[in-house]
Amino acid sequence: MDEDVELKLIERRKMAALKRKIVASAPQKTKAEKTDRQLLEELLYDRGDEVLNAAYTYFPEETGRIVEELGKRLRDGSFSRRISGGELYSLFRQLGLRFQLKTSIKVQDRGKLVDLSEKLKIREDE
């Protein structure tokens, strides 16, 4: 009966060693694959993220297809330069997707930036 117990212990050790070898030899993914949107967001600057979010708000399906196509181009290396918010907005307009962005004009007043409407309101009050 002691032999059966010893054989089972040896068998368990060998099975554990085999499992460790299998896990060690399996290809490990060090980084999760980035989505097309994440790839595009890394290249956006100058309010590009605001334009992309507004586009998703107004046209979620169409924007998703455009982002998917840009992602393909980024992955295959045919396109790799940074994209400004104005360029992205222009692309959407050329494709027929017209939407509004929240814009404001700020002016410097006594060392701080103030909306132009507030500045004009202050002048009217004086």
Protein backbone atom coordinates (compact mmCIF):
# COMPACT_ATOMS: atom_id res chain seq x y z
CA MET A 1 0.00 0.00 0.00
CA ASP A 2 2.94 2.37 0.60
CA GLU A 3 4.00 1.79 -2.99
CA ASP A 4 0.66 3.03 -4.29
CA VAL A 5 0.94 6.25 -2.29
CA GLU A 6 4.52 6.80 -3.45
CA LEU A 7 3.57 6.14 -7.08
CA LYS A 8 0.72 8.62 -6.86
CA LEU A 9 3.06 11.29 -5.36
CA ILE A 10 5.60 10.73 -8.14
CA GLU A 11 2.85 10.90 -10.74
CA ARG A 12 1.52 14.19 -9.30
CA ARG A 13 5.02 15.73 -9.28
CA LYS A 14 5.58 14.74 -12.91
CA MET A 15 2.18 16.12 -13.91
CA ALA A 16 2.92 19.40 -12.14
CA ALA A 17 6.30 19.62 -13.89
CA LEU A 18 4.65 19.02 -17.27
CA LYS A 19 2.06 21.72 -16.59
CA ARG A 20 4.82 24.19 -15.71
CA LYS A 21 6.64 23.36 -18.96
CA ILE A 22 3.49 23.83 -21.01
CA VAL A 23 2.73 27.17 -19.39
CA ALA A 24 6.32 28.33 -19.82
CA SER A 25 6.48 27.35 -23.51
CA ALA A 26 3.13 28.90 -24.43
CA PRO A 27 3.47 32.25 -26.23
CA GLN A 28 2.86 35.08 -23.78
CA LYS A 29 1.19 38.31 -24.82
CA THR A 30 3.12 41.05 -23.11
CA LYS A 31 0.92 43.86 -24.37
CA ALA A 32 -2.74 43.78 -25.18
CA GLU A 33 -3.55 44.67 -28.77
CA LYS A 34 -4.58 48.32 -29.07
CA THR A 35 -7.90 49.21 -30.63
CA ASP A 36 -8.11 51.40 -33.72
CA ARG A 37 -9.47 54.24 -31.61
CA GLN A 38 -6.56 54.01 -29.14
CA LEU A 39 -4.06 54.08 -32.02
CA LEU A 40 -5.74 57.13 -33.50
CA GLU A 41 -6.02 58.95 -30.16
CA GLU A 42 -2.25 58.63 -29.68
CA LEU A 43 -1.70 60.66 -32.87
CA LEU A 44 -4.25 63.39 -32.18
CA TYR A 45 -3.24 66.83 -30.93
CA ASP A 46 -4.68 70.36 -30.75
CA ARG A 47 -8.26 69.43 -29.71
CA GLY A 48 -8.27 66.31 -31.86
CA ASP A 49 -9.73 64.29 -29.01
CA GLU A 50 -12.62 66.77 -28.71
CA VAL A 51 -13.35 66.48 -32.43
CA LEU A 52 -13.30 62.68 -32.26
CA ASN A 53 -15.62 62.59 -29.24
CA ALA A 54 -18.04 65.03 -30.89
CA ALA A 55 -18.03 62.93 -34.06
CA TYR A 56 -18.86 59.81 -32.04
CA THR A 57 -21.69 61.74 -30.34
CA TYR A 58 -23.32 62.85 -33.60
CA PHE A 59 -22.42 59.93 -35.93
CA PRO A 60 -21.32 56.87 -33.92
CA GLU A 61 -21.56 54.26 -36.71
CA GLU A 62 -19.93 56.35 -39.43
CA THR A 63 -17.20 57.56 -37.10
CA GLY A 64 -16.50 53.97 -36.07
CA ARG A 65 -16.00 52.98 -39.72
CA ILE A 66 -13.72 55.96 -40.36
CA VAL A 67 -11.66 55.21 -37.26
CA GLU A 68 -11.44 51.56 -38.31
CA GLU A 69 -10.11 52.56 -41.73
CA LEU A 70 -7.60 54.98 -40.22
CA GLY A 71 -6.55 52.23 -37.81
CA LYS A 72 -5.87 49.88 -40.72
CA ARG A 73 -3.71 52.52 -42.37
CA LEU A 74 -1.83 53.11 -39.12
CA ARG A 75 -1.21 49.39 -38.63
CA ASP A 76 0.13 48.76 -42.13
CA GLY A 77 2.35 51.84 -41.94
CA SER A 78 0.90 53.76 -44.89
CA PHE A 79 -0.04 56.59 -42.54
CA SER A 80 1.84 57.62 -39.43
CA ARG A 81 1.90 61.39 -38.98
CA ARG A 82 0.15 63.29 -36.20
CA ILE A 83 -3.34 64.68 -36.86
CA SER A 84 -4.57 68.02 -35.56
CA GLY A 85 -8.13 68.63 -34.49
CA GLY A 86 -8.65 70.93 -37.47
CA GLU A 87 -7.44 68.31 -39.94
CA LEU A 88 -9.68 65.65 -38.41
CA TYR A 89 -12.67 68.02 -38.45
CA SER A 90 -11.93 68.84 -42.09
CA LEU A 91 -11.83 65.11 -42.92
CA PHE A 92 -15.24 64.56 -41.37
CA ARG A 93 -16.69 67.55 -43.22
CA GLN A 94 -15.26 66.32 -46.55
CA LEU A 95 -16.94 62.98 -45.93
CA GLY A 96 -20.28 64.74 -45.38
CA LEU A 97 -20.40 64.47 -41.59
CA ARG A 98 -21.15 67.95 -40.34
CA PHE A 99 -21.41 68.58 -36.61
CA GLN A 100 -20.88 71.43 -34.19
CA LEU A 101 -18.03 71.85 -31.78
CA LYS A 102 -18.22 73.94 -28.67
CA THR A 103 -15.94 76.91 -29.27
CA SER A 104 -15.09 79.96 -27.27
CA ILE A 105 -12.86 82.96 -27.76
CA LYS A 106 -10.75 83.91 -24.78
CA VAL A 107 -8.97 87.20 -24.23
CA GLN A 108 -6.50 88.19 -21.59
CA ASP A 109 -7.85 90.57 -18.98
CA ARG A 110 -5.71 91.62 -16.02
CA GLY A 111 -3.45 88.58 -16.32
CA LYS A 112 -6.10 85.89 -16.76
CA LEU A 113 -8.05 84.47 -19.68
CA VAL A 114 -11.71 85.46 -19.85
CA ASP A 115 -14.41 84.58 -22.39
CA LEU A 116 -14.92 87.36 -24.91
CA SER A 117 -18.62 87.52 -24.04
CA GLU A 118 -17.75 88.18 -20.37
CA LYS A 119 -15.26 90.87 -21.38
CA LEU A 120 -17.87 92.63 -23.52
CA LYS A 121 -20.45 92.33 -20.74
CA ILE A 122 -18.05 93.97 -18.27
CA ARG A 123 -17.46 96.85 -20.71
CA GLU A 124 -21.21 97.40 -21.13
CA ASP A 125 -21.67 97.57 -17.35
CA GLU A 126 -18.99 100.25 -17.01
